[in-house]
Amino acid sequence: MDISMIRQLQARDTTVRAHEAAHIAAGGGVITGGPTFTYQKGPDGRQYAVGGEVGIDPSPVPGNPKATLAKMEVVKAAALAPAQPSATDLSVAASAAQTEAQARVEAYRKSQEPDQAGPTVDLQA
């Protein structure tokens, strides 16, 4: 049995599981399910996690830019939570930042719209 290979696989398994756990811990309500792992069989016959992923919902909140801003903060935090974010993690965070910018524009536009109720007229004169 190759003890060196087993130790490498054990270390990778620990790193992968910690990485996905960090996403979950920071993700709150934007996590869409538990982690899924890719495994490699070691020379000892055991399965070691060598890759993994956690689903994150990066969609905006329809019609509510302020809620979208808050949600994108959580998405970015979840994506960047691991000590060493992957390229995919960085891409998710960048996409969330773009959605956040769009939500800021939408929130500004909504704040500039005239009151939908319109002017009132007192008819009791």
C-alpha atoms as a PDB file:
ATOM      1  CA  MET A   1       0.000   0.000   0.000  1.00  0.00           C
ATOM      2  CA  ASP A   2       1.259   3.484  -0.915  1.00  0.00           C
ATOM      3  CA  ILE A   3       1.128   5.428   2.361  1.00  0.00           C
ATOM      4  CA  SER A   4       2.255   8.661   0.663  1.00  0.00           C
ATOM      5  CA  MET A   5      -0.636   8.496  -1.833  1.00  0.00           C
ATOM      6  CA  ILE A   6      -3.123   7.783   0.958  1.00  0.00           C
ATOM      7  CA  ARG A   7      -1.892  10.796   2.937  1.00  0.00           C
ATOM      8  CA  GLN A   8      -2.194  13.005  -0.146  1.00  0.00           C
ATOM      9  CA  LEU A   9      -5.742  11.783  -0.753  1.00  0.00           C
ATOM     10  CA  GLN A  10      -6.652  12.283   2.905  1.00  0.00           C
ATOM     11  CA  ALA A  11      -5.321  15.857   2.795  1.00  0.00           C
ATOM     12  CA  ARG A  12      -7.212  16.578  -0.434  1.00  0.00           C
ATOM     13  CA  ASP A  13     -10.408  15.108   1.024  1.00  0.00           C
ATOM     14  CA  THR A  14     -10.097  17.347   4.086  1.00  0.00           C
ATOM     15  CA  THR A  15      -9.429  20.429   1.948  1.00  0.00           C
ATOM     16  CA  VAL A  16     -12.350  19.746  -0.410  1.00  0.00           C
ATOM     17  CA  ARG A  17     -14.803  19.145   2.423  1.00  0.00           C
ATOM     18  CA  ALA A  18     -13.676  22.314   4.261  1.00  0.00           C
ATOM     19  CA  HIS A  19     -14.002  24.330   1.031  1.00  0.00           C
ATOM     20  CA  GLU A  20     -17.610  23.236   0.481  1.00  0.00           C
ATOM     21  CA  ALA A  21     -18.455  23.662   4.180  1.00  0.00           C
ATOM     22  CA  ALA A  22     -17.233  27.272   3.976  1.00  0.00           C
ATOM     23  CA  HIS A  23     -19.651  27.955   1.107  1.00  0.00           C
ATOM     24  CA  ILE A  24     -22.532  26.486   3.121  1.00  0.00           C
ATOM     25  CA  ALA A  25     -21.642  28.344   6.322  1.00  0.00           C
ATOM     26  CA  ALA A  26     -21.547  31.711   4.563  1.00  0.00           C
ATOM     27  CA  GLY A  27     -24.419  31.068   2.154  1.00  0.00           C
ATOM     28  CA  GLY A  28     -27.488  31.162   4.333  1.00  0.00           C
ATOM     29  CA  GLY A  29     -30.609  31.134   2.180  1.00  0.00           C
ATOM     30  CA  VAL A  30     -28.806  31.221  -1.184  1.00  0.00           C
ATOM     31  CA  ILE A  31     -27.494  27.646  -0.921  1.00  0.00           C
ATOM     32  CA  THR A  32     -29.670  25.368  -3.058  1.00  0.00           C
ATOM     33  CA  GLY A  33     -28.643  22.020  -1.574  1.00  0.00           C
ATOM     34  CA  GLY A  34     -25.945  20.044   0.109  1.00  0.00           C
ATOM     35  CA  PRO A  35     -22.506  19.492  -1.322  1.00  0.00           C
ATOM     36  CA  THR A  36     -21.823  16.952  -4.046  1.00  0.00           C
ATOM     37  CA  PHE A  37     -18.401  15.386  -4.267  1.00  0.00           C
ATOM     38  CA  THR A  38     -16.248  13.699  -6.877  1.00  0.00           C
ATOM     39  CA  TYR A  39     -14.367  10.756  -5.428  1.00  0.00           C
ATOM     40  CA  GLN A  40     -11.166   8.895  -6.152  1.00  0.00           C
ATOM     41  CA  LYS A  41     -10.509   5.409  -4.870  1.00  0.00           C
ATOM     42  CA  GLY A  42      -7.290   5.208  -2.924  1.00  0.00           C
ATOM     43  CA  PRO A  43      -4.846   2.290  -2.816  1.00  0.00           C
ATOM     44  CA  ASP A  44      -6.470   1.316   0.498  1.00  0.00           C
ATOM     45  CA  GLY A  45      -9.835   0.824  -1.258  1.00  0.00           C
ATOM     46  CA  ARG A  46     -11.449   3.879   0.363  1.00  0.00           C
ATOM     47  CA  GLN A  47     -13.152   6.733  -1.508  1.00  0.00           C
ATOM     48  CA  TYR A  48     -11.627  10.190  -1.051  1.00  0.00           C
ATOM     49  CA  ALA A  49     -13.288  13.463  -2.078  1.00  0.00           C
ATOM     50  CA  VAL A  50     -11.073  15.128  -4.680  1.00  0.00           C
ATOM     51  CA  GLY A  51     -13.591  17.697  -5.956  1.00  0.00           C
ATOM     52  CA  GLY A  52     -16.887  19.171  -4.883  1.00  0.00           C
ATOM     53  CA  GLU A  53     -19.542  21.764  -5.432  1.00  0.00           C
ATOM     54  CA  VAL A  54     -22.416  23.474  -3.665  1.00  0.00           C
ATOM     55  CA  GLY A  55     -25.302  25.087  -5.532  1.00  0.00           C
ATOM     56  CA  ILE A  56     -25.736  28.828  -5.013  1.00  0.00           C
ATOM     57  CA  ASP A  57     -28.815  30.715  -6.270  1.00  0.00           C
ATOM     58  CA  PRO A  58     -27.495  33.893  -7.926  1.00  0.00           C
ATOM     59  CA  SER A  59     -30.835  35.042  -9.360  1.00  0.00           C
ATOM     60  CA  PRO A  60     -32.124  38.542  -8.617  1.00  0.00           C
ATOM     61  CA  VAL A  61     -35.285  39.066  -6.570  1.00  0.00           C
ATOM     62  CA  PRO A  62     -37.864  40.074  -9.209  1.00  0.00           C
ATOM     63  CA  GLY A  63     -39.179  43.624  -8.779  1.00  0.00           C
ATOM     64  CA  ASN A  64     -37.223  44.244  -5.599  1.00  0.00           C
ATOM     65  CA  PRO A  65     -33.801  45.778  -6.191  1.00  0.00           C
ATOM     66  CA  LYS A  66     -33.134  46.344  -2.479  1.00  0.00           C
ATOM     67  CA  ALA A  67     -33.710  42.656  -1.742  1.00  0.00           C
ATOM     68  CA  THR A  68     -31.525  41.796  -4.735  1.00  0.00           C
ATOM     69  CA  LEU A  69     -28.710  43.923  -3.302  1.00  0.00           C
ATOM     70  CA  ALA A  70     -28.923  42.111   0.029  1.00  0.00           C
ATOM     71  CA  LYS A  71     -29.075  38.715  -1.674  1.00  0.00           C
ATOM     72  CA  MET A  72     -26.042  39.434  -3.871  1.00  0.00           C
ATOM     73  CA  GLU A  73     -24.016  40.345  -0.784  1.00  0.00           C
ATOM     74  CA  VAL A  74     -24.742  36.860   0.570  1.00  0.00           C
ATOM     75  CA  VAL A  75     -23.990  35.240  -2.810  1.00  0.00           C
ATOM     76  CA  LYS A  76     -20.609  36.995  -2.954  1.00  0.00           C
ATOM     77  CA  ALA A  77     -19.821  36.062   0.642  1.00  0.00           C
ATOM     78  CA  ALA A  78     -20.715  32.419  -0.008  1.00  0.00           C
ATOM     79  CA  ALA A  79     -18.714  32.265  -3.231  1.00  0.00           C
ATOM     80  CA  LEU A  80     -15.630  33.831  -1.647  1.00  0.00           C
ATOM     81  CA  ALA A  81     -15.864  32.085   1.736  1.00  0.00           C
ATOM     82  CA  PRO A  82     -13.252  29.357   1.174  1.00  0.00           C
ATOM     83  CA  ALA A  83      -9.628  30.186   1.980  1.00  0.00           C
ATOM     84  CA  GLN A  84      -8.715  29.563  -1.666  1.00  0.00           C
ATOM     85  CA  PRO A  85     -11.698  30.346  -3.927  1.00  0.00           C
ATOM     86  CA  SER A  86     -11.707  28.430  -7.202  1.00  0.00           C
ATOM     87  CA  ALA A  87     -12.043  30.010 -10.632  1.00  0.00           C
ATOM     88  CA  THR A  88     -15.733  29.061 -10.544  1.00  0.00           C
ATOM     89  CA  ASP A  89     -16.114  30.715  -7.136  1.00  0.00           C
ATOM     90  CA  LEU A  90     -14.549  33.916  -8.459  1.00  0.00           C
ATOM     91  CA  SER A  91     -16.843  33.822 -11.493  1.00  0.00           C
ATOM     92  CA  VAL A  92     -19.947  33.456  -9.301  1.00  0.00           C
ATOM     93  CA  ALA A  93     -18.799  36.397  -7.162  1.00  0.00           C
ATOM     94  CA  ALA A  94     -18.151  38.537 -10.253  1.00  0.00           C
ATOM     95  CA  SER A  95     -21.575  37.685 -11.662  1.00  0.00           C
ATOM     96  CA  ALA A  96     -23.186  38.608  -8.332  1.00  0.00           C
ATOM     97  CA  ALA A  97     -21.340  41.944  -8.387  1.00  0.00           C
ATOM     98  CA  GLN A  98     -22.718  42.609 -11.871  1.00  0.00           C
ATOM     99  CA  THR A  99     -26.267  41.732 -10.748  1.00  0.00           C
ATOM    100  CA  GLU A 100     -25.724  43.986  -7.744  1.00  0.00           C
ATOM    101  CA  ALA A 101     -24.729  46.893 -10.008  1.00  0.00           C
ATOM    102  CA  GLN A 102     -27.852  46.377 -12.116  1.00  0.00           C
ATOM    103  CA  ALA A 103     -29.974  46.334  -8.956  1.00  0.00           C
ATOM    104  CA  ARG A 104     -28.404  49.620  -7.817  1.00  0.00           C
ATOM    105  CA  VAL A 105     -29.388  51.211 -11.137  1.00  0.00           C
ATOM    106  CA  GLU A 106     -32.919  49.821 -10.819  1.00  0.00           C
ATOM    107  CA  ALA A 107     -33.214  51.045  -7.225  1.00  0.00           C
ATOM    108  CA  TYR A 108     -32.065  54.509  -8.285  1.00  0.00           C
ATOM    109  CA  ARG A 109     -34.573  54.613 -11.142  1.00  0.00           C
ATOM    110  CA  LYS A 110     -37.379  53.566  -8.812  1.00  0.00           C
ATOM    111  CA  SER A 111     -36.403  56.305  -6.375  1.00  0.00           C
ATOM    112  CA  GLN A 112     -36.638  58.862  -9.189  1.00  0.00           C
ATOM    113  CA  GLU A 113     -40.122  57.834 -10.362  1.00  0.00           C
ATOM    114  CA  PRO A 114     -42.965  60.201  -9.489  1.00  0.00           C
ATOM    115  CA  ASP A 115     -45.415  59.033  -6.864  1.00  0.00           C
ATOM    116  CA  GLN A 116     -47.789  56.609  -8.561  1.00  0.00           C
ATOM    117  CA  ALA A 117     -50.803  57.963  -6.674  1.00  0.00           C
ATOM    118  CA  GLY A 118     -50.623  61.270  -8.510  1.00  0.00           C
ATOM    119  CA  PRO A 119     -51.918  64.630  -7.255  1.00  0.00           C
ATOM    120  CA  THR A 120     -54.958  64.744  -5.020  1.00  0.00           C
ATOM    121  CA  VAL A 121     -57.886  67.119  -5.352  1.00  0.00           C
ATOM    122  CA  ASP A 122     -60.107  68.159  -2.453  1.00  0.00           C
ATOM    123  CA  LEU A 123     -63.708  68.107  -3.744  1.00  0.00           C
ATOM    124  CA  GLN A 124     -65.351  69.210  -0.486  1.00  0.00           C
ATOM    125  CA  ALA A 125     -65.229  72.968  -0.989  1.00  0.00           C
END
